[in-house]
Structures are given as structure tokens and as C-alpha cells.
Amino acid sequence: MANSNASEALEALAAEIGENIYIDVAKWHLYLSDAHLHTTVADRTSSLIEDDSISEAAVRKILQAIPVQLGGGKAELPLADLVPTSGVSRLVEILEDYRDKL
């Protein structure tokens, strides 16, 4: 039962991330849910919540380690290079709010 609750909580976090965090390309916003990256970000940032080590630097480090393929795989950039600074700050807020609800 606890595992089910944890899965539901992670899905809720992923949904929140997917609806609020976006990739900015030429002032065009592609939300992480549409890019199918919200679950990956939730999975990888959940350790920050568990360890109570949420910080902008830690979030940037995680985003830096998530590769995003562009142009059908012709190029690859870290997610950190595609999410604007305001998005990283918003992601930190989402993680802190999520932690506070636990």
C-alpha cells in the first residue's frame, strides 16, 4: 500500500512539473509534459525531496544530466540548457511545496 501511495505521489509531482516547467526554443514554450520529460524530471528530483537537499544548484545539476535529443537525434543538449532560469526557480518552488505537503 505504501508503494502505491508513493507511486501516486510521484505521478502527482510529475504532473505538476509537466504543467508548469517548459523548454524555451525561440520564445516558443514546450511544456515538459508535451516533451515527455516530466516523469524523468520527477524521478530524478525525488531524491532531493527525500534527502531534504533541494537547492537551485542541485536542480541544475540534475537537469544537466538529462539529455534532450533535437532534430531527430542530430543534436543533443542537456535539459538545463533548454529550461530558462525562471523555470529552474519555479521547479525549486514546486519541489519545496511538494516536500512541505509530505
N, C-alpha and C. Protein backbone atom coordinates (compact mmCIF):
# COMPACT_ATOMS: atom_id res chain seq x y z
N MET A 1 0.81 -1.19 0.00
CA MET A 1 0.00 0.00 0.00
C MET A 1 0.86 1.26 0.00
N ALA A 2 1.93 1.25 0.77
CA ALA A 2 2.81 2.42 0.81
C ALA A 2 3.44 2.67 -0.55
N ASN A 3 3.77 1.59 -1.26
CA ASN A 3 4.35 1.72 -2.58
C ASN A 3 3.37 2.37 -3.55
N SER A 4 2.09 2.02 -3.42
CA SER A 4 1.05 2.61 -4.26
C SER A 4 0.93 4.11 -3.98
N ASN A 5 0.97 4.48 -2.70
CA ASN A 5 0.91 5.89 -2.33
C ASN A 5 2.11 6.66 -2.86
N ALA A 6 3.28 6.03 -2.79
CA ALA A 6 4.50 6.67 -3.29
C ALA A 6 4.40 6.87 -4.80
N SER A 7 3.87 5.88 -5.50
CA SER A 7 3.71 5.99 -6.95
C SER A 7 2.74 7.10 -7.31
N GLU A 8 1.64 7.17 -6.57
CA GLU A 8 0.65 8.23 -6.82
C GLU A 8 1.24 9.60 -6.54
N ALA A 9 2.02 9.70 -5.48
CA ALA A 9 2.65 10.97 -5.13
C ALA A 9 3.64 11.40 -6.21
N LEU A 10 4.42 10.44 -6.71
CA LEU A 10 5.39 10.74 -7.76
C LEU A 10 4.67 11.15 -9.05
N GLU A 11 3.56 10.50 -9.35
CA GLU A 11 2.77 10.87 -10.53
C GLU A 11 2.21 12.28 -10.38
N ALA A 12 1.78 12.64 -9.17
CA ALA A 12 1.26 13.99 -8.92
C ALA A 12 2.37 15.02 -9.09
N LEU A 13 3.56 14.71 -8.59
CA LEU A 13 4.70 15.61 -8.76
C LEU A 13 5.03 15.76 -10.24
N ALA A 14 5.06 14.65 -10.97
CA ALA A 14 5.36 14.69 -12.40
C ALA A 14 4.34 15.55 -13.14
N ALA A 15 3.07 15.41 -12.78
CA ALA A 15 2.02 16.21 -13.42
C ALA A 15 2.23 17.70 -13.16
N GLU A 16 2.55 18.03 -11.92
CA GLU A 16 2.80 19.44 -11.56
C GLU A 16 3.99 20.00 -12.35
N ILE A 17 5.04 19.22 -12.44
CA ILE A 17 6.23 19.64 -13.21
C ILE A 17 5.86 19.80 -14.68
N GLY A 18 5.15 18.82 -15.21
CA GLY A 18 4.79 18.84 -16.63
C GLY A 18 3.92 20.01 -17.03
N GLU A 19 3.08 20.48 -16.12
CA GLU A 19 2.17 21.58 -16.41
C GLU A 19 2.82 22.95 -16.23
N ASN A 20 3.93 23.01 -15.50
CA ASN A 20 4.50 24.32 -15.14
C ASN A 20 5.89 24.60 -15.68
N ILE A 21 6.64 23.57 -16.02
CA ILE A 21 8.02 23.77 -16.46
C ILE A 21 8.09 23.52 -17.96
N TYR A 22 8.81 24.40 -18.66
CA TYR A 22 8.86 24.28 -20.11
C TYR A 22 10.28 24.48 -20.64
N ILE A 23 10.44 24.00 -21.85
CA ILE A 23 11.64 24.24 -22.65
C ILE A 23 11.35 25.48 -23.48
N ASP A 24 12.29 26.40 -23.55
CA ASP A 24 12.11 27.62 -24.31
C ASP A 24 12.98 27.54 -25.57
N VAL A 25 12.32 27.48 -26.73
CA VAL A 25 13.02 27.46 -28.01
C VAL A 25 12.47 28.60 -28.85
N ALA A 26 13.30 29.60 -29.10
CA ALA A 26 12.90 30.76 -29.91
C ALA A 26 11.60 31.38 -29.39
N LYS A 27 11.52 31.52 -28.06
CA LYS A 27 10.36 32.09 -27.36
C LYS A 27 9.10 31.24 -27.53
N TRP A 28 9.28 30.00 -27.91
CA TRP A 28 8.19 29.04 -28.01
C TRP A 28 8.31 28.11 -26.82
N HIS A 29 7.23 27.90 -26.09
CA HIS A 29 7.27 27.10 -24.86
C HIS A 29 6.73 25.70 -25.10
N LEU A 30 7.59 24.72 -24.90
CA LEU A 30 7.20 23.31 -24.98
C LEU A 30 7.23 22.78 -23.55
N TYR A 31 6.04 22.54 -22.99
CA TYR A 31 5.96 22.08 -21.61
C TYR A 31 6.50 20.66 -21.50
N LEU A 32 7.11 20.37 -20.36
CA LEU A 32 7.77 19.08 -20.18
C LEU A 32 6.81 17.91 -20.33
N SER A 33 5.53 18.10 -20.02
CA SER A 33 4.57 17.01 -20.24
C SER A 33 4.44 16.72 -21.73
N ASP A 34 4.42 17.75 -22.55
CA ASP A 34 4.32 17.56 -24.00
C ASP A 34 5.59 16.96 -24.58
N ALA A 35 6.72 17.25 -23.96
CA ALA A 35 8.01 16.71 -24.41
C ALA A 35 8.29 15.34 -23.80
N HIS A 36 7.37 14.85 -22.97
CA HIS A 36 7.51 13.55 -22.30
C HIS A 36 8.76 13.49 -21.42
N LEU A 37 9.06 14.60 -20.76
CA LEU A 37 10.22 14.67 -19.87
C LEU A 37 9.83 14.86 -18.41
N HIS A 38 8.55 15.10 -18.14
CA HIS A 38 8.11 15.40 -16.77
C HIS A 38 8.33 14.24 -15.81
N THR A 39 8.13 13.02 -16.26
CA THR A 39 8.31 11.86 -15.39
C THR A 39 9.79 11.66 -15.06
N THR A 40 10.64 11.85 -16.06
CA THR A 40 12.09 11.73 -15.83
C THR A 40 12.55 12.76 -14.81
N VAL A 41 12.09 14.00 -14.96
CA VAL A 41 12.49 15.06 -14.03
C VAL A 41 11.96 14.74 -12.62
N ALA A 42 10.74 14.28 -12.52
CA ALA A 42 10.17 13.93 -11.20
C ALA A 42 10.97 12.80 -10.56
N ASP A 43 11.27 11.76 -11.34
CA ASP A 43 12.05 10.63 -10.82
C ASP A 43 13.40 11.09 -10.28
N ARG A 44 14.07 11.89 -11.08
CA ARG A 44 15.44 12.29 -10.71
C ARG A 44 15.48 13.30 -9.58
N THR A 45 14.47 14.15 -9.48
CA THR A 45 14.47 15.16 -8.41
C THR A 45 13.87 14.65 -7.11
N SER A 46 13.22 13.50 -7.15
CA SER A 46 12.60 12.96 -5.93
C SER A 46 13.64 12.69 -4.84
N SER A 47 14.87 12.38 -5.23
CA SER A 47 15.92 12.15 -4.23
C SER A 47 16.24 13.43 -3.46
N LEU A 48 16.10 14.58 -4.11
CA LEU A 48 16.33 15.85 -3.41
C LEU A 48 15.29 16.06 -2.32
N ILE A 49 14.07 15.64 -2.59
CA ILE A 49 13.00 15.75 -1.60
C ILE A 49 13.26 14.80 -0.44
N GLU A 50 13.60 13.56 -0.77
CA GLU A 50 13.86 12.55 0.26
C GLU A 50 15.02 12.94 1.16
N ASP A 51 16.07 13.52 0.56
CA ASP A 51 17.26 13.91 1.32
C ASP A 51 17.15 15.31 1.91
N ASP A 52 16.04 16.01 1.63
CA ASP A 52 15.85 17.40 2.05
C ASP A 52 17.05 18.25 1.63
N SER A 53 17.43 18.09 0.35
CA SER A 53 18.58 18.82 -0.18
C SER A 53 18.21 19.61 -1.43
N ILE A 54 17.02 20.19 -1.42
CA ILE A 54 16.54 20.96 -2.57
C ILE A 54 17.28 22.29 -2.62
N SER A 55 17.91 22.55 -3.76
CA SER A 55 18.56 23.84 -4.00
C SER A 55 18.59 24.06 -5.50
N GLU A 56 18.75 25.30 -5.89
CA GLU A 56 18.81 25.60 -7.32
C GLU A 56 20.01 24.91 -7.96
N ALA A 57 21.13 24.88 -7.26
CA ALA A 57 22.33 24.23 -7.79
C ALA A 57 22.11 22.73 -7.99
N ALA A 58 21.45 22.09 -7.03
CA ALA A 58 21.19 20.65 -7.14
C ALA A 58 20.22 20.36 -8.28
N VAL A 59 19.21 21.20 -8.44
CA VAL A 59 18.25 21.02 -9.53
C VAL A 59 18.95 21.21 -10.87
N ARG A 60 19.78 22.23 -10.99
CA ARG A 60 20.53 22.46 -12.24
C ARG A 60 21.41 21.26 -12.58
N LYS A 61 22.05 20.69 -11.57
CA LYS A 61 22.92 19.54 -11.78
C LYS A 61 22.12 18.36 -12.34
N ILE A 62 20.93 18.14 -11.80
CA ILE A 62 20.08 17.06 -12.30
C ILE A 62 19.63 17.35 -13.73
N LEU A 63 19.21 18.57 -14.00
CA LEU A 63 18.78 18.93 -15.36
C LEU A 63 19.94 18.82 -16.35
N GLN A 64 21.14 19.10 -15.89
CA GLN A 64 22.33 19.00 -16.74
C GLN A 64 22.56 17.55 -17.18
N ALA A 65 22.13 16.60 -16.36
CA ALA A 65 22.37 15.18 -16.63
C ALA A 65 21.24 14.53 -17.45
N ILE A 66 20.24 15.31 -17.85
CA ILE A 66 19.14 14.77 -18.65
C ILE A 66 19.33 15.23 -20.10
N PRO A 67 19.72 14.31 -20.99
CA PRO A 67 19.93 14.69 -22.39
C PRO A 67 18.61 14.82 -23.14
N VAL A 68 18.54 15.82 -24.01
CA VAL A 68 17.37 16.03 -24.85
C VAL A 68 17.83 16.01 -26.31
N GLN A 69 17.27 15.08 -27.07
CA GLN A 69 17.63 14.99 -28.48
C GLN A 69 16.83 16.00 -29.28
N LEU A 70 17.52 16.63 -30.22
CA LEU A 70 16.90 17.63 -31.09
C LEU A 70 17.10 17.20 -32.55
N GLY A 71 16.18 17.60 -33.39
CA GLY A 71 16.32 17.31 -34.81
C GLY A 71 16.39 15.83 -35.13
N GLY A 72 15.58 15.05 -34.45
CA GLY A 72 15.57 13.62 -34.71
C GLY A 72 16.85 12.93 -34.31
N GLY A 73 17.54 13.49 -33.33
CA GLY A 73 18.77 12.88 -32.84
C GLY A 73 20.03 13.46 -33.45
N LYS A 74 19.90 14.47 -34.32
CA LYS A 74 21.07 15.09 -34.94
C LYS A 74 21.91 15.85 -33.92
N ALA A 75 21.25 16.36 -32.90
CA ALA A 75 21.94 17.12 -31.86
C ALA A 75 21.35 16.72 -30.51
N GLU A 76 22.12 16.97 -29.47
CA GLU A 76 21.68 16.65 -28.12
C GLU A 76 22.17 17.74 -27.18
N LEU A 77 21.27 18.23 -26.36
CA LEU A 77 21.61 19.25 -25.36
C LEU A 77 21.10 18.81 -24.01
N PRO A 78 21.78 19.23 -22.94
CA PRO A 78 21.24 18.94 -21.61
C PRO A 78 19.99 19.78 -21.36
N LEU A 79 19.05 19.21 -20.64
CA LEU A 79 17.80 19.90 -20.34
C LEU A 79 18.07 21.24 -19.65
N ALA A 80 19.14 21.32 -18.88
CA ALA A 80 19.48 22.57 -18.18
C ALA A 80 19.70 23.72 -19.16
N ASP A 81 20.15 23.41 -20.37
CA ASP A 81 20.38 24.46 -21.37
C ASP A 81 19.09 24.92 -22.05
N LEU A 82 18.02 24.18 -21.87
CA LEU A 82 16.76 24.48 -22.55
C LEU A 82 15.69 25.08 -21.64
N VAL A 83 15.83 24.88 -20.34
CA VAL A 83 14.86 25.42 -19.37
C VAL A 83 15.38 26.79 -18.92
N PRO A 84 14.57 27.85 -19.06
CA PRO A 84 15.04 29.17 -18.64
C PRO A 84 15.26 29.24 -17.13
N THR A 85 16.02 30.22 -16.70
CA THR A 85 16.33 30.40 -15.29
C THR A 85 15.06 30.49 -14.45
N SER A 86 14.06 31.18 -14.96
CA SER A 86 12.79 31.29 -14.23
C SER A 86 12.14 29.92 -14.06
N GLY A 87 12.33 29.03 -15.03
CA GLY A 87 11.78 27.68 -14.94
C GLY A 87 12.48 26.86 -13.88
N VAL A 88 13.79 27.04 -13.76
CA VAL A 88 14.54 26.33 -12.72
C VAL A 88 14.08 26.81 -11.35
N SER A 89 13.91 28.11 -11.20
CA SER A 89 13.41 28.66 -9.92
C SER A 89 12.03 28.13 -9.60
N ARG A 90 11.17 28.05 -10.60
CA ARG A 90 9.82 27.52 -10.41
C ARG A 90 9.87 26.05 -10.04
N LEU A 91 10.78 25.29 -10.64
CA LEU A 91 10.93 23.87 -10.31
C LEU A 91 11.35 23.71 -8.86
N VAL A 92 12.24 24.55 -8.38
CA VAL A 92 12.65 24.51 -6.97
C VAL A 92 11.44 24.76 -6.08
N GLU A 93 10.61 25.75 -6.43
CA GLU A 93 9.40 26.04 -5.66
C GLU A 93 8.45 24.84 -5.64
N ILE A 94 8.27 24.20 -6.78
CA ILE A 94 7.39 23.03 -6.87
C ILE A 94 7.90 21.92 -5.96
N LEU A 95 9.20 21.67 -5.99
CA LEU A 95 9.79 20.62 -5.16
C LEU A 95 9.64 20.95 -3.67
N GLU A 96 9.86 22.22 -3.31
CA GLU A 96 9.71 22.63 -1.91
C GLU A 96 8.26 22.50 -1.45
N ASP A 97 7.33 22.92 -2.29
CA ASP A 97 5.91 22.79 -1.95
C ASP A 97 5.52 21.33 -1.78
N TYR A 98 6.01 20.49 -2.67
CA TYR A 98 5.73 19.06 -2.61
C TYR A 98 6.29 18.46 -1.32
N ARG A 99 7.52 18.84 -0.97
CA ARG A 99 8.15 18.37 0.27
C ARG A 99 7.34 18.79 1.49
N ASP A 100 6.88 20.03 1.49
CA ASP A 100 6.12 20.56 2.63
C ASP A 100 4.78 19.86 2.81
N LYS A 101 4.23 19.29 1.75
CA LYS A 101 2.95 18.58 1.82
C LYS A 101 3.12 17.17 2.37
N LEU A 102 4.35 16.65 2.36
CA LEU A 102 4.58 15.28 2.85
C LEU A 102 4.52 15.20 4.35
